Amino acid sequence: MKHNVEVQESRHDIPKWVVVVALLAVAVAGNAWFADQPLLYRVLGVVILCVAAAAIALTTAKGQALMELARGSKREIQRVVWPTRQETIQTTLIVLAAVLVVGLLLWLIDTVLGWAMSGIIG
């Protein structure tokens, strides 16, 4: 039953997607057609057409699903316990120290192997 409702919603969404694609095509073609006009006017025209296309796309089933995903993401971000400034600084210093130690070890290994190869090769 739910599948039938989704199929009917997608049938009603097809004309909306056609309009969205047409608006985007008009934005691209219009930008090329009016290349001799000032950049500001062309940018405004493209932005207006893209906003209209986005507004229409958000009225479709997929657009509504995207909005629900965005709302859920916002709720999830609000639940995150962010580290304090002190925790961030300490973690950063630990990472920097680890990178420095590993870098020095790699340099040491490279130097020793370089000397060994020079001794072998002559």
N, C-alpha and C. Protein backbone atom coordinates (compact mmCIF):
# COMPACT_ATOMS: atom_id res chain seq x y z
N MET A 1 0.83 -1.20 0.00
CA MET A 1 0.00 0.00 0.00
C MET A 1 0.87 1.26 0.00
N LYS A 2 1.88 1.25 0.88
CA LYS A 2 2.76 2.40 0.95
C LYS A 2 3.49 2.60 -0.38
N HIS A 3 3.87 1.52 -1.01
CA HIS A 3 4.58 1.59 -2.28
C HIS A 3 3.73 2.29 -3.34
N ASN A 4 2.43 2.00 -3.36
CA ASN A 4 1.53 2.63 -4.33
C ASN A 4 1.44 4.14 -4.12
N VAL A 5 1.43 4.55 -2.85
CA VAL A 5 1.36 5.98 -2.54
C VAL A 5 2.64 6.66 -3.03
N GLU A 6 3.80 6.00 -2.80
CA GLU A 6 5.07 6.58 -3.24
C GLU A 6 5.13 6.68 -4.76
N VAL A 7 4.59 5.68 -5.45
CA VAL A 7 4.60 5.69 -6.91
C VAL A 7 3.73 6.83 -7.41
N GLN A 8 2.55 7.03 -6.80
CA GLN A 8 1.69 8.12 -7.23
C GLN A 8 2.33 9.47 -6.95
N GLU A 9 3.02 9.59 -5.80
CA GLU A 9 3.70 10.84 -5.50
C GLU A 9 4.80 11.12 -6.54
N SER A 10 5.50 10.07 -6.93
CA SER A 10 6.58 10.28 -7.90
C SER A 10 6.01 10.64 -9.27
N ARG A 11 4.82 10.13 -9.62
CA ARG A 11 4.20 10.52 -10.89
C ARG A 11 3.85 12.00 -10.89
N HIS A 12 3.40 12.50 -9.74
CA HIS A 12 3.07 13.92 -9.65
C HIS A 12 4.34 14.77 -9.58
N ASP A 13 5.44 14.15 -9.21
CA ASP A 13 6.69 14.89 -9.11
C ASP A 13 7.39 15.05 -10.46
N ILE A 14 7.08 14.22 -11.40
CA ILE A 14 7.76 14.26 -12.70
C ILE A 14 7.63 15.62 -13.38
N PRO A 15 6.44 16.21 -13.45
CA PRO A 15 6.36 17.55 -14.06
C PRO A 15 7.19 18.60 -13.30
N LYS A 16 7.24 18.45 -11.98
CA LYS A 16 8.04 19.39 -11.20
C LYS A 16 9.51 19.26 -11.56
N TRP A 17 9.99 18.02 -11.70
CA TRP A 17 11.40 17.82 -12.06
C TRP A 17 11.68 18.33 -13.47
N VAL A 18 10.72 18.20 -14.35
CA VAL A 18 10.90 18.74 -15.71
C VAL A 18 11.05 20.26 -15.64
N VAL A 19 10.24 20.90 -14.81
CA VAL A 19 10.34 22.35 -14.66
C VAL A 19 11.68 22.73 -14.04
N VAL A 20 12.14 21.96 -13.06
CA VAL A 20 13.43 22.23 -12.42
C VAL A 20 14.55 22.16 -13.46
N VAL A 21 14.56 21.09 -14.24
CA VAL A 21 15.60 20.93 -15.27
C VAL A 21 15.50 22.06 -16.30
N ALA A 22 14.28 22.42 -16.67
CA ALA A 22 14.10 23.50 -17.65
C ALA A 22 14.62 24.83 -17.09
N LEU A 23 14.34 25.12 -15.83
CA LEU A 23 14.83 26.36 -15.23
C LEU A 23 16.36 26.39 -15.19
N LEU A 24 16.97 25.27 -14.84
CA LEU A 24 18.43 25.22 -14.82
C LEU A 24 19.01 25.35 -16.22
N ALA A 25 18.36 24.74 -17.20
CA ALA A 25 18.82 24.87 -18.58
C ALA A 25 18.70 26.31 -19.06
N VAL A 26 17.61 26.97 -18.70
CA VAL A 26 17.42 28.38 -19.06
C VAL A 26 18.50 29.24 -18.40
N ALA A 27 18.85 28.91 -17.16
CA ALA A 27 19.89 29.67 -16.47
C ALA A 27 21.23 29.54 -17.19
N VAL A 28 21.59 28.32 -17.57
CA VAL A 28 22.86 28.11 -18.27
C VAL A 28 22.84 28.75 -19.65
N ALA A 29 21.78 28.49 -20.40
CA ALA A 29 21.69 29.05 -21.76
C ALA A 29 21.59 30.57 -21.72
N GLY A 30 20.83 31.11 -20.79
CA GLY A 30 20.69 32.56 -20.68
C GLY A 30 22.01 33.23 -20.33
N ASN A 31 22.78 32.58 -19.45
CA ASN A 31 24.08 33.13 -19.10
C ASN A 31 24.99 33.19 -20.32
N ALA A 32 24.95 32.16 -21.15
CA ALA A 32 25.76 32.16 -22.37
C ALA A 32 25.20 33.14 -23.40
N TRP A 33 23.89 33.20 -23.55
CA TRP A 33 23.25 34.05 -24.55
C TRP A 33 23.51 35.53 -24.26
N PHE A 34 23.42 35.90 -22.97
CA PHE A 34 23.59 37.30 -22.58
C PHE A 34 25.02 37.57 -22.09
N ALA A 35 26.01 36.96 -22.73
CA ALA A 35 27.41 37.13 -22.33
C ALA A 35 27.88 38.57 -22.46
N ASP A 36 27.24 39.35 -23.31
CA ASP A 36 27.65 40.74 -23.49
C ASP A 36 27.08 41.67 -22.42
N GLN A 37 26.16 41.18 -21.61
CA GLN A 37 25.57 41.99 -20.54
C GLN A 37 26.51 42.01 -19.33
N PRO A 38 26.35 42.99 -18.43
CA PRO A 38 27.20 43.05 -17.24
C PRO A 38 27.07 41.77 -16.39
N LEU A 39 28.16 41.41 -15.77
CA LEU A 39 28.22 40.18 -14.97
C LEU A 39 27.19 40.18 -13.85
N LEU A 40 26.98 41.31 -13.21
CA LEU A 40 26.03 41.39 -12.11
C LEU A 40 24.63 40.94 -12.52
N TYR A 41 24.17 41.39 -13.67
CA TYR A 41 22.83 41.04 -14.14
C TYR A 41 22.73 39.54 -14.45
N ARG A 42 23.79 39.02 -15.06
CA ARG A 42 23.78 37.58 -15.38
C ARG A 42 23.80 36.74 -14.12
N VAL A 43 24.60 37.15 -13.13
CA VAL A 43 24.65 36.41 -11.87
C VAL A 43 23.31 36.47 -11.17
N LEU A 44 22.69 37.64 -11.13
CA LEU A 44 21.37 37.77 -10.50
C LEU A 44 20.34 36.88 -11.20
N GLY A 45 20.37 36.85 -12.52
CA GLY A 45 19.44 35.99 -13.26
C GLY A 45 19.66 34.52 -12.95
N VAL A 46 20.91 34.09 -12.92
CA VAL A 46 21.20 32.68 -12.62
C VAL A 46 20.79 32.35 -11.19
N VAL A 47 21.09 33.23 -10.24
CA VAL A 47 20.73 32.98 -8.84
C VAL A 47 19.21 32.89 -8.68
N ILE A 48 18.49 33.81 -9.30
CA ILE A 48 17.02 33.79 -9.19
C ILE A 48 16.45 32.50 -9.77
N LEU A 49 16.95 32.09 -10.93
CA LEU A 49 16.45 30.86 -11.54
C LEU A 49 16.82 29.63 -10.71
N CYS A 50 18.01 29.62 -10.14
CA CYS A 50 18.42 28.48 -9.30
C CYS A 50 17.61 28.41 -8.02
N VAL A 51 17.31 29.56 -7.42
CA VAL A 51 16.48 29.58 -6.22
C VAL A 51 15.07 29.09 -6.55
N ALA A 52 14.53 29.51 -7.69
CA ALA A 52 13.20 29.04 -8.09
C ALA A 52 13.23 27.53 -8.33
N ALA A 53 14.28 27.03 -8.98
CA ALA A 53 14.39 25.60 -9.23
C ALA A 53 14.50 24.83 -7.91
N ALA A 54 15.27 25.35 -6.97
CA ALA A 54 15.42 24.69 -5.67
C ALA A 54 14.09 24.69 -4.91
N ALA A 55 13.36 25.79 -4.97
CA ALA A 55 12.07 25.87 -4.29
C ALA A 55 11.10 24.84 -4.85
N ILE A 56 11.09 24.69 -6.16
CA ILE A 56 10.20 23.69 -6.77
C ILE A 56 10.67 22.29 -6.43
N ALA A 57 11.98 22.05 -6.47
CA ALA A 57 12.51 20.72 -6.17
C ALA A 57 12.20 20.32 -4.73
N LEU A 58 12.18 21.27 -3.81
CA LEU A 58 11.88 20.95 -2.41
C LEU A 58 10.42 20.59 -2.19
N THR A 59 9.55 20.84 -3.15
CA THR A 59 8.15 20.46 -3.00
C THR A 59 7.91 19.02 -3.44
N THR A 60 8.92 18.36 -4.00
CA THR A 60 8.77 16.96 -4.44
C THR A 60 8.99 16.04 -3.25
N ALA A 61 8.72 14.75 -3.46
CA ALA A 61 8.91 13.76 -2.39
C ALA A 61 10.38 13.67 -1.99
N LYS A 62 11.26 13.68 -2.97
CA LYS A 62 12.70 13.64 -2.66
C LYS A 62 13.14 14.92 -1.97
N GLY A 63 12.57 16.03 -2.34
CA GLY A 63 12.89 17.29 -1.69
C GLY A 63 12.45 17.29 -0.23
N GLN A 64 11.27 16.75 0.02
CA GLN A 64 10.79 16.65 1.40
C GLN A 64 11.68 15.72 2.22
N ALA A 65 12.12 14.62 1.59
CA ALA A 65 13.02 13.69 2.28
C ALA A 65 14.35 14.38 2.61
N LEU A 66 14.83 15.21 1.70
CA LEU A 66 16.06 15.96 1.94
C LEU A 66 15.87 16.93 3.10
N MET A 67 14.75 17.61 3.15
CA MET A 67 14.49 18.54 4.24
C MET A 67 14.41 17.80 5.58
N GLU A 68 13.79 16.63 5.58
CA GLU A 68 13.71 15.84 6.81
C GLU A 68 15.10 15.39 7.24
N LEU A 69 15.94 15.03 6.29
CA LEU A 69 17.32 14.66 6.61
C LEU A 69 18.07 15.84 7.21
N ALA A 70 17.86 17.04 6.65
CA ALA A 70 18.52 18.23 7.18
C ALA A 70 18.05 18.54 8.59
N ARG A 71 16.76 18.40 8.84
CA ARG A 71 16.23 18.64 10.19
C ARG A 71 16.81 17.63 11.17
N GLY A 72 16.86 16.37 10.76
CA GLY A 72 17.42 15.33 11.63
C GLY A 72 18.89 15.58 11.91
N SER A 73 19.63 16.03 10.90
CA SER A 73 21.05 16.34 11.09
C SER A 73 21.23 17.49 12.07
N LYS A 74 20.37 18.49 11.96
CA LYS A 74 20.46 19.63 12.88
C LYS A 74 20.18 19.18 14.31
N ARG A 75 19.17 18.33 14.49
CA ARG A 75 18.86 17.81 15.83
C ARG A 75 20.04 17.00 16.37
N GLU A 76 20.66 16.21 15.52
CA GLU A 76 21.78 15.38 15.95
C GLU A 76 22.99 16.23 16.33
N ILE A 77 23.24 17.28 15.58
CA ILE A 77 24.37 18.17 15.90
C ILE A 77 24.13 18.87 17.24
N GLN A 78 22.88 19.19 17.54
CA GLN A 78 22.59 19.83 18.81
C GLN A 78 22.82 18.90 19.99
N ARG A 79 22.76 17.58 19.76
CA ARG A 79 22.97 16.60 20.82
C ARG A 79 24.44 16.30 21.07
N VAL A 80 25.30 16.71 20.16
CA VAL A 80 26.73 16.41 20.29
C VAL A 80 27.31 17.17 21.47
N VAL A 81 28.14 16.49 22.24
CA VAL A 81 28.85 17.14 23.34
C VAL A 81 30.22 17.55 22.79
N TRP A 82 30.37 18.82 22.56
CA TRP A 82 31.61 19.33 21.97
C TRP A 82 32.68 19.43 23.03
N PRO A 83 33.95 19.19 22.67
CA PRO A 83 35.03 19.28 23.66
C PRO A 83 35.26 20.73 24.09
N THR A 84 35.79 20.86 25.30
CA THR A 84 36.10 22.20 25.79
C THR A 84 37.36 22.70 25.09
N ARG A 85 37.65 23.96 25.29
CA ARG A 85 38.85 24.54 24.68
C ARG A 85 40.10 23.83 25.19
N GLN A 86 40.14 23.56 26.48
CA GLN A 86 41.31 22.89 27.07
C GLN A 86 41.48 21.49 26.48
N GLU A 87 40.40 20.74 26.33
CA GLU A 87 40.48 19.40 25.75
C GLU A 87 40.97 19.47 24.30
N THR A 88 40.50 20.46 23.57
CA THR A 88 40.91 20.62 22.17
C THR A 88 42.40 20.93 22.08
N ILE A 89 42.89 21.82 22.92
CA ILE A 89 44.30 22.18 22.90
C ILE A 89 45.16 20.98 23.29
N GLN A 90 44.74 20.25 24.34
CA GLN A 90 45.52 19.08 24.77
C GLN A 90 45.58 18.02 23.67
N THR A 91 44.46 17.76 23.05
CA THR A 91 44.43 16.75 21.99
C THR A 91 45.28 17.19 20.80
N THR A 92 45.22 18.46 20.47
CA THR A 92 46.04 18.98 19.37
C THR A 92 47.52 18.83 19.68
N LEU A 93 47.91 19.15 20.91
CA LEU A 93 49.32 19.02 21.28
C LEU A 93 49.77 17.56 21.25
N ILE A 94 48.92 16.65 21.68
CA ILE A 94 49.26 15.22 21.63
C ILE A 94 49.46 14.78 20.18
N VAL A 95 48.58 15.20 19.30
CA VAL A 95 48.70 14.83 17.89
C VAL A 95 49.98 15.41 17.29
N LEU A 96 50.27 16.67 17.58
CA LEU A 96 51.49 17.29 17.07
C LEU A 96 52.73 16.57 17.58
N ALA A 97 52.75 16.19 18.87
CA ALA A 97 53.89 15.46 19.43
C ALA A 97 54.04 14.10 18.76
N ALA A 98 52.93 13.41 18.53
CA ALA A 98 53.00 12.10 17.87
C ALA A 98 53.51 12.24 16.45
N VAL A 99 53.07 13.25 15.73
CA VAL A 99 53.54 13.48 14.36
C VAL A 99 55.04 13.78 14.36
N LEU A 100 55.48 14.58 15.31
CA LEU A 100 56.90 14.91 15.41
C LEU A 100 57.75 13.67 15.69
N VAL A 101 57.30 12.83 16.62
CA VAL A 101 58.04 11.61 16.96
C VAL A 101 58.09 10.67 15.77
N VAL A 102 56.98 10.45 15.11
CA VAL A 102 56.96 9.55 13.95
C VAL A 102 57.81 10.13 12.83
N GLY A 103 57.77 11.43 12.62
CA GLY A 103 58.60 12.06 11.60
C GLY A 103 60.08 11.88 11.89
N LEU A 104 60.47 12.07 13.15
CA LEU A 104 61.88 11.87 13.51
C LEU A 104 62.30 10.41 13.33
N LEU A 105 61.42 9.48 13.71
CA LEU A 105 61.74 8.05 13.52
C LEU A 105 61.90 7.71 12.04
N LEU A 106 61.02 8.21 11.22
CA LEU A 106 61.14 7.95 9.78
C LEU A 106 62.41 8.57 9.21
N TRP A 107 62.76 9.77 9.66
CA TRP A 107 63.99 10.40 9.22
C TRP A 107 65.21 9.58 9.63
N LEU A 108 65.19 9.10 10.87
CA LEU A 108 66.29 8.29 11.38
C LEU A 108 66.43 6.99 10.59
N ILE A 109 65.32 6.31 10.35
CA ILE A 109 65.35 5.06 9.57
C ILE A 109 65.85 5.34 8.16
N ASP A 110 65.38 6.40 7.55
CA ASP A 110 65.81 6.75 6.19
C ASP A 110 67.31 7.04 6.16
N THR A 111 67.80 7.76 7.15
CA THR A 111 69.22 8.09 7.20
C THR A 111 70.07 6.84 7.38
N VAL A 112 69.68 5.97 8.30
CA VAL A 112 70.43 4.74 8.54
C VAL A 112 70.42 3.86 7.30
N LEU A 113 69.27 3.70 6.68
CA LEU A 113 69.20 2.88 5.47
C LEU A 113 70.00 3.52 4.33
N GLY A 114 70.02 4.84 4.25
CA GLY A 114 70.80 5.53 3.24
C GLY A 114 72.29 5.28 3.42
N TRP A 115 72.74 5.36 4.69
CA TRP A 115 74.17 5.10 4.98
C TRP A 115 74.50 3.64 4.66
N ALA A 116 73.57 2.74 5.04
CA ALA A 116 73.81 1.31 4.77
C ALA A 116 73.90 1.04 3.26
N MET A 117 73.02 1.62 2.50
CA MET A 117 73.05 1.42 1.04
C MET A 117 74.30 2.04 0.44
N SER A 118 74.72 3.20 0.96
CA SER A 118 75.96 3.81 0.45
C SER A 118 77.15 2.92 0.76
N GLY A 119 77.14 2.30 1.92
CA GLY A 119 78.24 1.39 2.28
C GLY A 119 78.24 0.14 1.40
N ILE A 120 77.06 -0.37 1.06
CA ILE A 120 76.96 -1.57 0.23
C ILE A 120 77.32 -1.25 -1.22
N ILE A 121 76.78 -0.16 -1.73
CA ILE A 121 76.99 0.19 -3.13
C ILE A 121 78.42 0.70 -3.33
N GLY A 122 78.91 1.45 -2.37
CA GLY A 122 80.30 1.87 -2.43
C GLY A 122 80.43 3.28 -2.75
